[in-house]
Amino acid sequence: MAIKFILDGCLIAASFVLAYFVRFNILLFVPPDSIPHFQPYLRTLVFIVPLWLALFKLFGLYEARKFSALIDEMAALFLSLSLSTLLLLGFLFLNRELWFSRLLVINAWGIAFILLALSRLLLFFFLRWLRALGWRRRNVLIIGAGEMGRLLAYKLSQDKTSGYKAIGFVEDDPAKLNSFFHGLPVLGDSGAIKRLIVSRKVTAVIFASAKFPAEKILDIITENERYGVEFKLVPGILELIASRLDIDELGGIPLLTVSEIRLRGFNALIKRGVDIILSALCLLLFAPILCFFCLLVKLTSPGPVFFTQERIGLDGRVFSMFKFRSMIENAEQLFPQLEPLSEVAGNIFKIKNDPRITPLGRFMRRLSIDELPQLLNVFFGQMSMVGPRPPLPREVVNYNPWHLKRLRVRPGITGLWQISGRSLLPFEEMVRLDVYYIENWTLWLDFKILMRTIPVVFFGGGAY
């Protein structure tokens, strides 16, 4: 982070230098003989650069694990730059003895954002490249070889740029000892964690099992934190709703009160307004594509262009979801024969080589083109641009009570499930992601999910 700090200081100074020449050589609104000398501006950078860097520090721009995604860091950069600029303009307004072009400050703000954003973007891809080569890769021990632990191991093995390398599992189930999952061994039970951390040079431990009680997890962390190990936990339901917990007391006894979910009332109204605007714009933008695939579906296989299917929406209400037909005409009649072949655990049916899918349908599914007609569902108010995947009635029949929480909001065309692995994720993990989304909803979260959906759709990750 020291390199980023020094680089930011240099780029802020360069931004003001460039802004001076833009202001007084390109945007020249004053007579040439009235142009202020460059030296006084240059001296003010001794004050401006440290001030802006201090504000960047307050916004957490130099904390290694502050931001989970590049887009979060860019947003923090924009906010911190904007606040720094406003503070500087306020100071210039109060101190009228210092003649300083306000337009120059605005130019510096724009130039600084471009330069600092580009530097972070280049640094981000450079570090990804270094991690892919194995630079400073951290050894990770996964506690729990269950479904979640195996999913984590698979994802770490596929993503060489994460900076983490899974070396194996710890599992207390005797039946899983000496087993291998995704090429990684079960190295022992929880009693061997300390020995494995030291002998295998483990720098990160991920608790991916709900079977370990909180007391035991605390004991493991306390015993091993002196080795400089980073500990991560896959959250349970209580942790997922932590943003809605308020501390109260009754008769001197502390209590945690669970408040109403965020996607109600005014927040729901805002989200609905955004959905109407975005769906209308997308329908206009994608109209040529929609017409083109209407024609392709009709020409390549017999049957209707659109496939409508009953789904469960907000508060358990049934609605008809639109999709381009990607299967043969009698696909639903063949479902009972294929149901036992499902490759996803839980209340979802998914198989990679579904014989009912047409060649065009496989292409459309790969790029999620078959989902485009759902923009009509969004416009009509049955779905949202972002939200949980809309379940089938036969899936909801088998839900546990906590699974029903996903029905508290409108289902979405995209969501955390789609950008986190799609068909690769087990049902329980999909529900966890949906609960997290419902509990932590913000417009910014919706925007991030929409932005991250674009590369997922383009590369077809996890779709079948």
Protein backbone atom coordinates (compact mmCIF):
# COMPACT_ATOMS: atom_id res chain seq x y z
CA MET A 1 0.00 0.00 0.00
CA ALA A 2 3.01 2.33 0.40
CA ILE A 3 3.48 2.26 -3.38
CA LYS A 4 -0.16 3.28 -3.90
CA PHE A 5 0.22 6.10 -1.34
CA ILE A 6 3.32 7.53 -3.04
CA LEU A 7 1.82 7.10 -6.51
CA ASP A 8 -1.37 8.90 -5.46
CA GLY A 9 0.65 11.83 -4.13
CA CYS A 10 2.55 12.16 -7.41
CA LEU A 11 -0.64 11.88 -9.49
CA ILE A 12 -2.48 14.50 -7.40
CA ALA A 13 0.40 16.92 -7.93
CA ALA A 14 0.47 16.08 -11.64
CA SER A 15 -3.29 16.67 -11.84
CA PHE A 16 -2.95 20.25 -10.57
CA VAL A 17 -0.05 20.92 -12.93
CA LEU A 18 -2.08 19.62 -15.89
CA ALA A 19 -5.16 21.52 -14.69
CA TYR A 20 -3.15 24.77 -14.68
CA PHE A 21 -2.09 24.33 -18.30
CA VAL A 22 -5.61 23.24 -19.36
CA ARG A 23 -7.14 26.25 -17.61
CA PHE A 24 -4.74 28.90 -18.90
CA ASN A 25 -3.79 27.45 -22.31
CA ILE A 26 -6.98 25.74 -23.53
CA LEU A 27 -9.86 27.19 -21.48
CA LEU A 28 -8.49 30.72 -21.65
CA PHE A 29 -11.17 33.16 -20.42
CA VAL A 30 -8.79 35.85 -19.14
CA PRO A 31 -6.41 38.15 -21.00
CA PRO A 32 -2.90 36.68 -21.42
CA ASP A 33 -1.39 39.42 -19.27
CA SER A 34 -3.74 38.43 -16.42
CA ILE A 35 -2.62 34.79 -16.24
CA PRO A 36 -1.27 34.12 -12.72
CA HIS A 37 2.25 32.84 -12.31
CA PHE A 38 2.76 29.11 -12.05
CA GLN A 39 5.04 29.20 -8.98
CA PRO A 40 2.34 30.25 -6.44
CA TYR A 41 0.12 27.38 -7.62
CA LEU A 42 3.00 24.97 -7.32
CA ARG A 43 3.66 26.02 -3.72
CA THR A 44 0.04 25.38 -2.72
CA LEU A 45 0.52 21.68 -3.55
CA VAL A 46 2.56 21.37 -0.34
CA PHE A 47 -0.75 21.94 1.45
CA ILE A 48 -3.18 20.27 -1.01
CA VAL A 49 -1.45 16.93 -1.58
CA PRO A 50 -1.13 15.93 2.13
CA LEU A 51 -4.74 17.06 2.76
CA TRP A 52 -6.11 14.93 -0.06
CA LEU A 53 -3.98 11.94 0.93
CA ALA A 54 -5.24 12.24 4.53
CA LEU A 55 -8.84 12.17 3.31
CA PHE A 56 -8.05 9.16 1.11
CA LYS A 57 -6.71 7.45 4.23
CA LEU A 58 -9.92 8.25 6.15
CA PHE A 59 -11.96 6.65 3.34
CA GLY A 60 -9.87 3.47 3.69
CA LEU A 61 -8.22 3.66 0.28
CA TYR A 62 -4.96 2.33 1.70
CA GLU A 63 -6.38 -0.58 3.68
CA ALA A 64 -5.47 -3.83 1.95
CA ARG A 65 -8.79 -5.64 2.55
CA LYS A 66 -11.18 -2.73 2.81
CA PHE A 67 -12.83 -3.33 -0.56
CA SER A 68 -14.16 -6.65 -1.83
CA ALA A 69 -14.32 -5.45 -5.44
CA LEU A 70 -12.56 -2.91 -7.65
CA ILE A 71 -15.84 -1.06 -8.22
CA ASP A 72 -16.11 -0.40 -4.45
CA GLU A 73 -12.65 1.16 -4.44
CA MET A 74 -13.52 3.30 -7.46
CA ALA A 75 -16.64 4.56 -5.68
CA ALA A 76 -14.63 5.39 -2.54
CA LEU A 77 -12.06 7.16 -4.73
CA PHE A 78 -14.79 9.25 -6.38
CA LEU A 79 -16.34 10.19 -3.02
CA SER A 80 -13.02 11.05 -1.37
CA LEU A 81 -11.90 13.12 -4.37
CA SER A 82 -15.22 14.97 -4.45
CA LEU A 83 -15.07 15.73 -0.73
CA SER A 84 -11.44 16.87 -1.03
CA THR A 85 -12.38 19.20 -3.87
CA LEU A 86 -15.35 20.65 -1.97
CA LEU A 87 -13.16 21.28 1.08
CA LEU A 88 -10.58 23.05 -1.07
CA LEU A 89 -13.26 25.19 -2.74
CA GLY A 90 -14.69 26.05 0.69
CA PHE A 91 -11.26 27.06 1.95
CA LEU A 92 -10.71 29.27 -1.11
CA PHE A 93 -14.12 30.89 -0.58
CA LEU A 94 -13.31 31.72 3.06
CA ASN A 95 -9.76 32.86 2.32
CA ARG A 96 -10.39 35.46 -0.38
CA GLU A 97 -6.83 36.81 -0.13
CA LEU A 98 -5.65 33.69 -1.95
CA TRP A 99 -6.61 34.19 -5.60
CA PHE A 100 -7.05 30.68 -6.93
CA SER A 101 -9.01 29.73 -10.05
CA ARG A 102 -12.11 27.72 -9.10
CA LEU A 103 -12.26 26.32 -12.62
CA LEU A 104 -8.70 25.06 -12.16
CA VAL A 105 -9.81 23.15 -9.05
CA ILE A 106 -12.71 21.56 -10.99
CA ASN A 107 -10.30 20.60 -13.80
CA ALA A 108 -7.91 19.11 -11.24
CA TRP A 109 -10.76 17.06 -9.76
CA GLY A 110 -11.64 15.54 -13.16
CA ILE A 111 -8.04 14.94 -14.18
CA ALA A 112 -7.16 13.46 -10.78
CA PHE A 113 -10.07 11.01 -10.93
CA ILE A 114 -9.05 9.83 -14.41
CA LEU A 115 -5.38 9.42 -13.47
CA LEU A 116 -6.01 7.79 -10.08
CA ALA A 117 -8.69 5.47 -11.47
CA LEU A 118 -6.41 4.39 -14.33
CA SER A 119 -3.53 3.81 -11.95
CA ARG A 120 -5.70 1.60 -9.74
CA LEU A 121 -7.03 -0.27 -12.74
CA LEU A 122 -3.53 -0.95 -14.05
CA LEU A 123 -2.29 -1.92 -10.58
CA PHE A 124 -5.28 -4.24 -10.14
CA PHE A 125 -4.56 -6.16 -13.35
CA PHE A 126 -0.82 -6.15 -12.70
CA LEU A 127 -1.33 -7.71 -9.25
CA ARG A 128 -3.77 -10.27 -10.73
CA TRP A 129 -1.09 -11.22 -13.25
CA LEU A 130 1.52 -11.57 -10.51
CA ARG A 131 -0.82 -13.72 -8.38
CA ALA A 132 -1.56 -15.94 -11.37
CA LEU A 133 2.19 -16.56 -11.53
CA GLY A 134 2.18 -17.51 -7.84
CA TRP A 135 3.49 -14.26 -6.34
CA ARG A 136 2.77 -14.06 -2.59
CA ARG A 137 0.13 -16.76 -2.84
CA ARG A 138 -1.24 -17.62 0.60
CA ASN A 139 -1.75 -21.20 1.77
CA VAL A 140 -5.34 -21.76 2.90
CA LEU A 141 -6.63 -24.48 5.21
CA ILE A 142 -10.36 -25.18 4.82
CA ILE A 143 -12.14 -26.32 7.98
CA GLY A 144 -14.94 -28.64 6.91
CA ALA A 145 -15.04 -30.94 3.87
CA GLY A 146 -18.79 -30.65 3.41
CA GLU A 147 -20.58 -29.12 0.46
CA MET A 148 -19.50 -25.55 1.23
CA GLY A 149 -15.88 -26.52 1.89
CA ARG A 150 -15.66 -28.45 -1.36
CA LEU A 151 -17.21 -25.54 -3.26
CA LEU A 152 -14.60 -23.17 -1.81
CA ALA A 153 -11.81 -25.56 -2.76
CA TYR A 154 -13.14 -25.80 -6.31
CA LYS A 155 -13.39 -22.03 -6.70
CA LEU A 156 -9.89 -21.45 -5.34
CA SER A 157 -8.49 -24.07 -7.71
CA GLN A 158 -10.20 -22.36 -10.66
CA ASP A 159 -9.23 -18.80 -9.75
CA LYS A 160 -5.45 -18.52 -9.81
CA THR A 161 -5.64 -14.74 -9.37
CA SER A 162 -7.26 -14.76 -5.93
CA GLY A 163 -3.93 -14.90 -4.12
CA TYR A 164 -5.04 -17.98 -2.16
CA LYS A 165 -4.07 -21.63 -2.61
CA ALA A 166 -6.10 -24.31 -0.82
CA ILE A 167 -3.79 -27.00 0.56
CA GLY A 168 -6.39 -29.30 2.11
CA PHE A 169 -9.25 -29.83 4.52
CA VAL A 170 -9.72 -30.39 8.22
CA GLU A 171 -12.67 -32.63 9.02
CA ASP A 172 -13.89 -34.29 12.23
CA ASP A 173 -16.07 -36.81 10.38
CA PRO A 174 -14.09 -40.11 10.53
CA ALA A 175 -15.65 -41.26 7.25
CA LYS A 176 -13.97 -38.39 5.39
CA LEU A 177 -10.47 -38.74 6.83
CA ASN A 178 -7.82 -39.66 4.25
CA SER A 179 -10.26 -38.74 1.47
CA PHE A 180 -9.67 -36.40 -1.47
CA PHE A 181 -12.05 -33.72 -2.77
CA HIS A 182 -11.20 -31.76 -5.92
CA GLY A 183 -7.70 -33.17 -5.67
CA LEU A 184 -7.17 -31.90 -2.11
CA PRO A 185 -6.66 -34.25 0.86
CA VAL A 186 -8.39 -34.26 4.22
CA LEU A 187 -5.27 -33.66 6.32
CA GLY A 188 -6.70 -34.50 9.74
CA ASP A 189 -9.25 -33.54 12.36
CA SER A 190 -9.57 -30.26 14.26
CA GLY A 191 -6.95 -31.40 16.75
CA ALA A 192 -4.32 -31.17 14.00
CA ILE A 193 -5.00 -27.54 13.04
CA LYS A 194 -2.10 -26.05 15.02
CA ARG A 195 0.36 -28.60 13.66
CA LEU A 196 -0.85 -28.05 10.07
CA ILE A 197 -0.59 -24.26 10.37
CA VAL A 198 3.04 -24.53 11.39
CA SER A 199 4.14 -27.42 9.16
CA ARG A 200 2.28 -26.34 6.00
CA LYS A 201 2.98 -22.62 6.45
CA VAL A 202 -0.72 -21.80 6.48
CA THR A 203 -1.49 -18.06 6.40
CA ALA A 204 -5.31 -18.23 6.11
CA VAL A 205 -7.94 -20.50 7.66
CA ILE A 206 -11.53 -20.62 6.39
CA PHE A 207 -14.26 -22.11 8.58
CA ALA A 208 -16.70 -23.59 6.06
CA SER A 209 -18.73 -25.84 8.33
CA ALA A 210 -21.66 -25.10 10.62
CA LYS A 211 -20.82 -28.18 12.70
CA PHE A 212 -18.14 -26.37 14.68
CA PRO A 213 -19.64 -24.63 17.76
CA ALA A 214 -18.76 -20.99 18.35
CA GLU A 215 -16.75 -21.86 21.47
CA LYS A 216 -14.54 -24.26 19.53
CA ILE A 217 -13.98 -21.75 16.72
CA LEU A 218 -12.99 -19.13 19.31
CA ASP A 219 -10.56 -21.59 20.95
CA ILE A 220 -8.94 -22.37 17.57
CA ILE A 221 -8.56 -18.67 16.72
CA THR A 222 -7.16 -17.80 20.16
CA GLU A 223 -4.66 -20.65 20.08
CA ASN A 224 -3.33 -19.90 16.58
CA GLU A 225 -3.64 -16.15 16.01
CA ARG A 226 -0.12 -15.62 17.31
CA TYR A 227 1.15 -17.28 14.11
CA GLY A 228 -0.15 -14.35 12.05
CA VAL A 229 -2.95 -16.38 10.50
CA GLU A 230 -5.97 -14.70 8.89
CA PHE A 231 -9.27 -16.32 9.91
CA LYS A 232 -12.41 -16.25 7.75
CA LEU A 233 -15.84 -17.71 8.48
CA VAL A 234 -18.69 -18.61 6.16
CA PRO A 235 -21.59 -16.77 7.85
CA GLY A 236 -24.57 -18.51 9.37
CA ILE A 237 -28.10 -17.14 9.36
CA LEU A 238 -27.58 -15.00 12.49
CA GLU A 239 -24.50 -13.35 10.95
CA LEU A 240 -26.41 -12.73 7.70
CA ILE A 241 -29.06 -10.66 9.48
CA ALA A 242 -26.51 -8.79 11.61
CA SER A 243 -27.24 -5.53 9.79
CA ARG A 244 -30.81 -5.62 11.21
CA LEU A 245 -29.89 -6.39 14.81
CA ASP A 246 -30.34 -3.62 17.39
CA ILE A 247 -29.17 -3.98 20.99
CA ASP A 248 -31.96 -3.50 23.51
CA GLU A 249 -32.51 -4.50 27.13
CA LEU A 250 -35.41 -5.84 29.12
CA GLY A 251 -35.22 -5.92 32.90
CA GLY A 252 -31.46 -5.44 32.70
CA ILE A 253 -31.04 -8.36 30.29
CA PRO A 254 -29.43 -7.41 26.94
CA LEU A 255 -31.49 -8.44 23.91
CA LEU A 256 -30.97 -8.38 20.16
CA THR A 257 -34.01 -7.00 18.32
CA VAL A 258 -34.49 -7.92 14.65
CA SER A 259 -35.89 -4.97 12.69
CA GLU A 260 -37.91 -5.13 9.47
CA ILE A 261 -36.07 -5.97 6.23
CA ARG A 262 -34.82 -3.00 4.24
CA LEU A 263 -36.76 -3.76 1.07
CA ARG A 264 -40.05 -2.44 2.41
CA GLY A 265 -41.83 0.90 2.30
CA PHE A 266 -39.92 3.78 0.72
CA ASN A 267 -36.93 1.59 -0.22
CA ALA A 268 -39.22 -0.78 -2.11
CA LEU A 269 -40.76 2.19 -3.91
CA ILE A 270 -37.33 3.47 -4.99
CA LYS A 271 -36.28 0.03 -6.21
CA ARG A 272 -39.55 -0.33 -8.18
CA GLY A 273 -39.01 3.05 -9.83
CA VAL A 274 -35.49 2.08 -10.89
CA ASP A 275 -36.82 -1.24 -12.25
CA ILE A 276 -39.43 0.51 -14.42
CA ILE A 277 -36.87 2.90 -15.89
CA LEU A 278 -34.16 0.28 -16.49
CA SER A 279 -36.52 -2.34 -17.95
CA ALA A 280 -38.08 0.20 -20.33
CA LEU A 281 -34.65 1.38 -21.50
CA CYS A 282 -33.40 -2.20 -21.94
CA LEU A 283 -36.49 -3.22 -23.91
CA LEU A 284 -35.87 -0.33 -26.31
CA LEU A 285 -32.12 -1.00 -26.49
CA PHE A 286 -32.45 -4.76 -27.03
CA ALA A 287 -35.48 -4.62 -29.34
CA PRO A 288 -33.43 -5.62 -32.46
CA ILE A 289 -31.87 -8.56 -30.58
CA LEU A 290 -35.26 -9.69 -29.29
CA CYS A 291 -36.73 -9.62 -32.80
CA PHE A 292 -33.73 -11.44 -34.26
CA PHE A 293 -33.93 -14.31 -31.77
CA CYS A 294 -37.70 -14.52 -32.12
CA LEU A 295 -37.05 -15.32 -35.77
CA LEU A 296 -34.20 -17.74 -35.01
CA VAL A 297 -36.20 -19.73 -32.46
CA LYS A 298 -39.11 -20.05 -34.89
CA LEU A 299 -36.88 -21.16 -37.79
CA THR A 300 -34.66 -23.64 -35.92
CA SER A 301 -37.21 -25.81 -34.06
CA PRO A 302 -40.97 -26.42 -34.05
CA GLY A 303 -43.02 -24.87 -31.28
CA PRO A 304 -43.75 -21.42 -29.86
CA VAL A 305 -41.14 -18.65 -29.71
CA PHE A 306 -41.69 -17.93 -26.02
CA PHE A 307 -41.75 -20.36 -23.13
CA THR A 308 -43.97 -19.35 -20.23
CA GLN A 309 -43.68 -21.08 -16.91
CA GLU A 310 -45.37 -20.62 -13.56
CA ARG A 311 -42.99 -19.23 -10.94
CA ILE A 312 -43.38 -18.06 -7.36
CA GLY A 313 -42.83 -14.37 -6.79
CA LEU A 314 -43.23 -11.75 -4.07
CA ASP A 315 -44.99 -13.09 -0.95
CA GLY A 316 -45.67 -16.44 -2.63
CA ARG A 317 -47.76 -15.09 -5.51
CA VAL A 318 -47.74 -17.14 -8.72
CA PHE A 319 -46.86 -15.44 -12.02
CA SER A 320 -45.98 -16.48 -15.59
CA MET A 321 -42.30 -15.94 -16.36
CA PHE A 322 -41.29 -15.31 -19.99
CA LYS A 323 -38.25 -16.84 -21.67
CA PHE A 324 -37.17 -17.62 -25.20
CA ARG A 325 -37.91 -21.31 -25.74
CA SER A 326 -34.58 -23.12 -25.46
CA MET A 327 -35.93 -26.70 -25.30
CA ILE A 328 -37.89 -29.00 -27.55
CA GLU A 329 -41.66 -28.59 -27.61
CA ASN A 330 -42.58 -31.43 -25.18
CA ALA A 331 -39.76 -30.75 -22.69
CA GLU A 332 -41.98 -30.64 -19.58
CA GLN A 333 -43.40 -34.09 -20.32
CA LEU A 334 -39.89 -35.58 -20.18
CA PHE A 335 -39.03 -34.02 -16.79
CA PRO A 336 -40.09 -37.03 -14.61
CA GLN A 337 -37.61 -39.24 -16.49
CA LEU A 338 -34.72 -36.78 -16.00
CA GLU A 339 -35.40 -35.60 -12.45
CA PRO A 340 -33.25 -38.33 -10.77
CA LEU A 341 -30.26 -37.17 -12.89
CA SER A 342 -30.09 -33.69 -11.34
CA GLU A 343 -26.47 -32.64 -10.66
CA VAL A 344 -27.28 -29.94 -8.08
CA ALA A 345 -28.07 -30.76 -4.48
CA GLY A 346 -31.31 -29.44 -3.00
CA ASN A 347 -34.55 -28.20 -4.50
CA ILE A 348 -33.18 -27.33 -7.95
CA PHE A 349 -33.04 -29.44 -11.10
CA LYS A 350 -29.89 -28.93 -13.21
CA ILE A 351 -27.96 -31.22 -15.54
CA LYS A 352 -25.17 -30.09 -17.85
CA ASN A 353 -26.14 -32.16 -20.89
CA ASP A 354 -29.92 -31.86 -20.78
CA PRO A 355 -31.13 -33.73 -23.92
CA ARG A 356 -34.17 -31.46 -24.16
CA ILE A 357 -32.14 -28.35 -25.01
CA THR A 358 -31.92 -27.37 -28.68
CA PRO A 359 -28.57 -26.29 -30.24
CA LEU A 360 -29.79 -22.67 -30.41
CA GLY A 361 -31.13 -23.00 -26.87
CA ARG A 362 -27.73 -24.08 -25.60
CA PHE A 363 -26.15 -21.01 -27.19
CA MET A 364 -28.82 -18.70 -25.76
CA ARG A 365 -28.44 -20.19 -22.28
CA ARG A 366 -24.68 -19.82 -22.42
CA LEU A 367 -25.05 -16.06 -22.87
CA SER A 368 -28.36 -15.76 -20.95
CA ILE A 369 -30.12 -14.48 -24.07
CA ASP A 370 -33.10 -16.71 -23.25
CA GLU A 371 -33.66 -14.53 -20.15
CA LEU A 372 -34.16 -11.26 -22.04
CA PRO A 373 -37.99 -11.55 -22.31
CA GLN A 374 -38.08 -11.35 -18.50
CA LEU A 375 -37.62 -7.60 -18.96
CA LEU A 376 -41.37 -7.66 -19.62
CA ASN A 377 -41.92 -9.32 -16.22
CA VAL A 378 -39.87 -6.55 -14.63
CA PHE A 379 -41.81 -3.82 -16.41
CA PHE A 380 -45.14 -5.38 -15.36
CA GLY A 381 -44.01 -5.54 -11.72
CA GLN A 382 -43.76 -9.33 -11.33
CA MET A 383 -39.96 -9.34 -11.17
CA SER A 384 -37.05 -6.98 -10.46
CA MET A 385 -33.80 -6.36 -12.32
CA VAL A 386 -31.93 -7.70 -9.27
CA GLY A 387 -33.23 -10.22 -6.76
CA PRO A 388 -33.43 -13.92 -5.85
CA ARG A 389 -33.95 -16.50 -8.58
CA PRO A 390 -37.73 -17.11 -9.07
CA PRO A 391 -38.46 -20.67 -7.89
CA LEU A 392 -40.84 -23.22 -9.38
CA PRO A 393 -43.93 -24.26 -7.38
CA ARG A 394 -42.56 -27.81 -7.06
CA GLU A 395 -39.38 -26.38 -5.50
CA VAL A 396 -41.21 -24.22 -2.94
CA VAL A 397 -43.23 -27.25 -1.72
CA ASN A 398 -39.97 -28.73 -0.40
CA TYR A 399 -38.67 -25.52 1.22
CA ASN A 400 -37.68 -25.38 4.87
CA PRO A 401 -39.17 -22.40 6.77
CA TRP A 402 -36.00 -20.29 6.47
CA HIS A 403 -35.89 -20.90 2.70
CA LEU A 404 -39.19 -19.00 2.39
CA LYS A 405 -37.36 -15.77 3.24
CA ARG A 406 -36.35 -15.54 -0.41
CA LEU A 407 -40.00 -14.88 -1.22
CA ARG A 408 -40.08 -11.66 0.84
CA VAL A 409 -38.92 -9.63 -2.20
CA ARG A 410 -39.54 -9.66 -5.94
CA PRO A 411 -37.43 -12.26 -7.78
CA GLY A 412 -34.79 -10.91 -10.14
CA ILE A 413 -33.35 -11.45 -13.60
CA THR A 414 -29.91 -11.41 -12.01
CA GLY A 415 -28.63 -11.61 -8.43
CA LEU A 416 -25.81 -12.70 -6.19
CA TRP A 417 -26.47 -16.31 -7.22
CA GLN A 418 -25.86 -15.56 -10.90
CA ILE A 419 -22.58 -13.70 -10.33
CA SER A 420 -21.25 -16.22 -7.79
CA GLY A 421 -21.28 -19.44 -9.78
CA ARG A 422 -24.84 -19.87 -11.11
CA SER A 423 -25.48 -23.56 -11.78
CA LEU A 424 -22.29 -24.54 -9.91
CA LEU A 425 -23.70 -23.48 -6.53
CA PRO A 426 -25.66 -25.87 -4.31
CA PHE A 427 -29.17 -24.87 -3.30
CA GLU A 428 -28.32 -24.07 0.34
CA GLU A 429 -25.58 -21.66 -0.73
CA MET A 430 -27.94 -20.02 -3.20
CA VAL A 431 -30.43 -19.39 -0.38
CA ARG A 432 -27.66 -17.95 1.82
CA LEU A 433 -26.73 -15.51 -0.93
CA ASP A 434 -30.37 -14.51 -1.36
CA VAL A 435 -30.76 -13.94 2.38
CA TYR A 436 -27.60 -11.86 2.44
CA TYR A 437 -28.94 -9.74 -0.43
CA ILE A 438 -32.31 -9.20 1.26
CA GLU A 439 -30.71 -8.28 4.58
CA ASN A 440 -28.09 -5.95 3.13
CA TRP A 441 -29.90 -4.37 0.18
CA THR A 442 -28.84 -0.96 -1.10
CA LEU A 443 -29.10 0.67 -4.52
CA TRP A 444 -25.31 0.49 -4.64
CA LEU A 445 -25.45 -3.29 -4.13
CA ASP A 446 -27.94 -3.56 -7.01
CA PHE A 447 -25.64 -1.49 -9.21
CA LYS A 448 -22.63 -3.67 -8.37
CA ILE A 449 -24.55 -6.85 -9.13
CA LEU A 450 -25.70 -5.46 -12.49
CA MET A 451 -22.13 -4.45 -13.38
CA ARG A 452 -20.70 -7.82 -12.35
CA THR A 453 -23.40 -9.62 -14.32
CA ILE A 454 -21.97 -8.29 -17.60
CA PRO A 455 -18.67 -10.27 -17.56
CA VAL A 456 -20.45 -13.34 -16.14
CA VAL A 457 -22.91 -13.30 -19.05
CA PHE A 458 -20.18 -12.53 -21.60
CA PHE A 459 -17.98 -15.42 -20.50
CA GLY A 460 -20.92 -17.73 -19.70
CA GLY A 461 -19.50 -18.76 -16.33
CA GLY A 462 -21.44 -21.54 -14.59
CA ALA A 463 -24.36 -21.49 -17.06
CA TYR A 464 -26.04 -24.64 -18.36
